[in-house]
Amino acid sequence: MNTQRQQNTRDIFLLLTRSGSFFSRVIHTATKEEYTHVSIGVFNSYEFYSFARRHTRLPLPAGFVKERLDSGLLAKSTTAPCALYRLTVPEKSYRSISRRIKKMLRKQRAFHYSILGTFFCFFGKSYRRENKYFCSQFVAETLENSGAVKLERLPELYHPVDLMSIPQLELCFKGTLGELRENRLAVAGN
């Protein structure tokens, strides 16, 4: 029975961070929350997807991006606090999430960061525009639309830390991005 369950499920990962960038510091100051950004990992343990800056040194333009532990802002933010969570999802949900990410990657420039959505979320108000997301809205919507989780409120009302309350999440790592990268290298080397 347990083998059957394992064959019909897959793991995805949520990476919560607070990079220390200007925008991250503003969000942290306003919310006092431990983490200000969330990404979803599907294909391997180094790549995550989210809505964030497109270029390491410039906060704008921002949109749908692939983030890697070994390059870009995540690699530069070695002392940034982070938490990595595993979520075991049905195979059908995993395929749905994978398809969505692949489709969005093909049309990556059509997606933009929702600055207004972030602002409205801070005040607990719903605000949506087509092809515009902020990080936690994107992750929450992706999880719910795939059937992986049932949310208690609209995706655009989720802060990154709110996603940590998903009951099925399993904490895999908590520390800094530098420690996570080293930990991942050690695991990959074994």
Protein backbone atom coordinates (compact mmCIF):
# COMPACT_ATOMS: atom_id res chain seq x y z
CA MET A 1 0.00 0.00 0.00
CA ASN A 2 2.75 2.46 0.97
CA THR A 3 4.66 1.65 -2.24
CA GLN A 4 1.53 2.40 -4.28
CA ARG A 5 1.11 5.80 -2.56
CA GLN A 6 4.74 6.69 -3.21
CA GLN A 7 4.41 5.80 -6.90
CA ASN A 8 1.44 8.13 -7.29
CA THR A 9 3.01 11.15 -5.59
CA ARG A 10 5.85 13.55 -6.28
CA ASP A 11 7.70 16.12 -4.21
CA ILE A 12 7.80 19.82 -4.90
CA PHE A 13 9.58 22.43 -2.81
CA LEU A 14 8.81 25.89 -1.46
CA LEU A 15 11.78 28.12 -0.72
CA LEU A 16 11.13 31.09 1.55
CA THR A 17 13.81 33.79 1.73
CA ARG A 18 14.56 37.34 2.84
CA SER A 19 17.33 38.49 0.51
CA GLY A 20 18.24 41.87 1.97
CA SER A 21 17.48 43.67 -1.29
CA PHE A 22 15.88 47.10 -0.97
CA PHE A 23 12.39 45.77 -1.77
CA SER A 24 12.85 42.86 0.65
CA ARG A 25 13.94 45.27 3.41
CA VAL A 26 10.90 47.48 2.78
CA ILE A 27 8.54 44.49 2.99
CA HIS A 28 10.28 43.17 6.11
CA THR A 29 10.10 46.59 7.79
CA ALA A 30 6.40 46.93 6.97
CA THR A 31 5.33 43.39 7.87
CA LYS A 32 7.96 42.26 10.42
CA GLU A 33 7.67 38.83 8.80
CA GLU A 34 10.63 36.45 8.82
CA TYR A 35 10.52 35.83 5.05
CA THR A 36 9.58 38.22 2.25
CA HIS A 37 9.82 35.99 -0.82
CA VAL A 38 8.70 32.52 -1.87
CA SER A 39 9.59 30.36 -4.86
CA ILE A 40 8.41 26.95 -6.01
CA GLY A 41 10.79 24.17 -7.09
CA VAL A 42 9.63 21.36 -9.30
CA PHE A 43 12.30 19.97 -11.60
CA ASN A 44 15.44 19.81 -9.43
CA SER A 45 16.81 20.98 -6.10
CA TYR A 46 18.63 24.06 -7.46
CA GLU A 47 15.94 25.71 -9.59
CA PHE A 48 12.94 27.59 -8.31
CA TYR A 49 10.30 29.70 -10.05
CA SER A 50 8.67 32.88 -8.87
CA PHE A 51 7.96 36.52 -9.59
CA ALA A 52 10.95 38.70 -8.85
CA ARG A 53 13.58 40.93 -10.42
CA ARG A 54 14.76 39.87 -13.89
CA HIS A 55 18.31 41.19 -13.33
CA THR A 56 20.43 40.67 -10.22
CA ARG A 57 21.42 44.31 -9.82
CA LEU A 58 18.17 46.01 -10.83
CA PRO A 59 14.84 45.72 -8.98
CA LEU A 60 12.95 46.49 -12.19
CA PRO A 61 11.94 45.13 -14.58
CA ALA A 62 10.47 42.24 -12.64
CA GLY A 63 8.36 39.30 -13.70
CA PHE A 64 8.32 35.52 -13.97
CA VAL A 65 11.83 34.21 -13.34
CA LYS A 66 13.83 31.05 -12.81
CA GLU A 67 15.92 31.39 -9.64
CA ARG A 68 18.97 29.24 -8.95
CA LEU A 69 20.78 28.63 -5.69
CA ASP A 70 24.12 28.83 -7.51
CA SER A 71 23.60 32.06 -9.50
CA GLY A 72 21.86 35.43 -9.44
CA LEU A 73 20.46 37.09 -6.34
CA LEU A 74 20.10 33.81 -4.42
CA ALA A 75 23.80 33.07 -4.87
CA LYS A 76 24.81 36.59 -3.84
CA SER A 77 22.66 36.53 -0.71
CA THR A 78 24.67 33.91 1.19
CA THR A 79 23.70 35.20 4.65
CA ALA A 80 20.00 35.66 3.83
CA PRO A 81 17.67 33.62 6.04
CA CYS A 82 15.73 30.89 4.28
CA ALA A 83 13.52 27.88 4.87
CA LEU A 84 13.01 25.01 2.45
CA TYR A 85 9.78 23.01 2.65
CA ARG A 86 8.76 19.81 0.88
CA LEU A 87 5.20 19.24 -0.24
CA THR A 88 4.24 15.77 -1.44
CA VAL A 89 1.54 16.09 -4.06
CA PRO A 90 -0.44 13.68 -6.25
CA GLU A 91 1.16 12.91 -9.61
CA LYS A 92 -1.72 14.71 -11.34
CA SER A 93 -1.00 17.91 -9.35
CA TYR A 94 2.72 17.62 -10.07
CA ARG A 95 2.05 17.36 -13.81
CA SER A 96 -0.31 20.36 -13.65
CA ILE A 97 2.29 22.49 -11.83
CA SER A 98 5.03 21.39 -14.24
CA ARG A 99 2.88 22.19 -17.29
CA ARG A 100 2.03 25.64 -15.93
CA ILE A 101 5.65 26.51 -15.26
CA LYS A 102 6.79 25.26 -18.68
CA LYS A 103 4.01 27.20 -20.39
CA MET A 104 4.91 30.37 -18.47
CA LEU A 105 8.61 29.92 -19.31
CA ARG A 106 7.76 29.84 -23.02
CA LYS A 107 5.94 33.19 -22.66
CA GLN A 108 8.10 34.57 -19.85
CA ARG A 109 8.15 38.19 -21.07
CA ALA A 110 4.34 38.34 -21.05
CA PHE A 111 4.29 38.06 -17.25
CA HIS A 112 5.03 41.01 -14.97
CA TYR A 113 5.40 41.69 -11.28
CA SER A 114 2.29 43.10 -9.61
CA ILE A 115 3.53 45.97 -7.47
CA LEU A 116 -0.05 47.11 -6.87
CA GLY A 117 -1.04 43.56 -5.95
CA THR A 118 1.69 43.51 -3.29
CA PHE A 119 0.46 46.83 -1.93
CA PHE A 120 -3.19 45.70 -1.82
CA CYS A 121 -2.20 42.38 -0.21
CA PHE A 122 -0.46 44.25 2.61
CA PHE A 123 -3.81 45.89 3.41
CA GLY A 124 -5.76 42.62 3.05
CA LYS A 125 -7.47 43.67 -0.19
CA SER A 126 -7.80 41.56 -3.30
CA TYR A 127 -6.33 42.98 -6.51
CA ARG A 128 -5.77 40.98 -9.70
CA ARG A 129 -4.65 41.78 -13.21
CA GLU A 130 -4.08 39.38 -16.06
CA ASN A 131 -0.47 38.11 -16.30
CA LYS A 132 0.62 40.11 -13.24
CA TYR A 133 1.58 38.38 -10.01
CA PHE A 134 3.67 38.80 -6.91
CA CYS A 135 5.61 35.83 -5.57
CA SER A 136 3.23 34.40 -2.97
CA GLN A 137 0.17 34.99 -5.16
CA PHE A 138 1.80 32.98 -7.95
CA VAL A 139 2.83 30.10 -5.66
CA ALA A 140 -0.53 29.98 -3.87
CA GLU A 141 -2.48 30.06 -7.15
CA THR A 142 -0.25 27.41 -8.72
CA LEU A 143 -0.74 25.07 -5.75
CA GLU A 144 -4.49 25.58 -5.58
CA ASN A 145 -5.16 25.37 -9.33
CA SER A 146 -3.23 22.09 -9.51
CA GLY A 147 -5.35 20.57 -6.74
CA ALA A 148 -2.29 20.17 -4.49
CA VAL A 149 -3.85 22.22 -1.69
CA LYS A 150 -7.11 23.90 -0.76
CA LEU A 151 -6.54 27.52 0.24
CA GLU A 152 -8.48 29.32 2.95
CA ARG A 153 -8.59 32.60 1.03
CA LEU A 154 -7.81 34.04 -2.41
CA PRO A 155 -4.22 33.52 -3.65
CA GLU A 156 -3.69 37.29 -3.96
CA LEU A 157 -4.19 37.62 -0.18
CA TYR A 158 -1.26 35.35 0.74
CA HIS A 159 2.03 36.66 2.11
CA PRO A 160 5.04 34.35 1.69
CA VAL A 161 4.95 33.32 5.39
CA ASP A 162 1.25 32.44 5.13
CA LEU A 163 2.19 29.52 2.89
CA MET A 164 4.12 27.97 5.80
CA SER A 165 0.74 27.19 7.40
CA ILE A 166 -0.15 24.62 4.72
CA PRO A 167 -0.58 21.52 6.89
CA GLN A 168 1.08 19.11 4.44
CA LEU A 169 4.38 21.04 4.34
CA GLU A 170 7.46 19.37 5.78
CA LEU A 171 10.38 21.57 6.84
CA CYS A 172 13.57 20.26 5.18
CA PHE A 173 16.01 23.04 6.03
CA LYS A 174 16.20 26.31 7.94
CA GLY A 175 19.27 28.54 7.95
CA THR A 176 20.96 30.79 5.39
CA LEU A 177 21.03 30.54 1.61
CA GLY A 178 24.79 29.86 1.78
CA GLU A 179 24.24 26.97 4.18
CA LEU A 180 21.41 25.63 2.03
CA ARG A 181 23.63 25.71 -1.06
CA GLU A 182 26.41 23.86 0.82
CA ASN A 183 23.89 21.38 2.20
CA ARG A 184 22.50 20.73 -1.30
CA LEU A 185 26.03 20.19 -2.66
CA ALA A 186 26.78 17.71 0.14
CA VAL A 187 23.54 15.82 -0.56
CA ALA A 188 24.21 15.81 -4.32
CA GLY A 189 27.76 14.51 -3.73
CA ASN A 190 26.54 11.43 -1.81
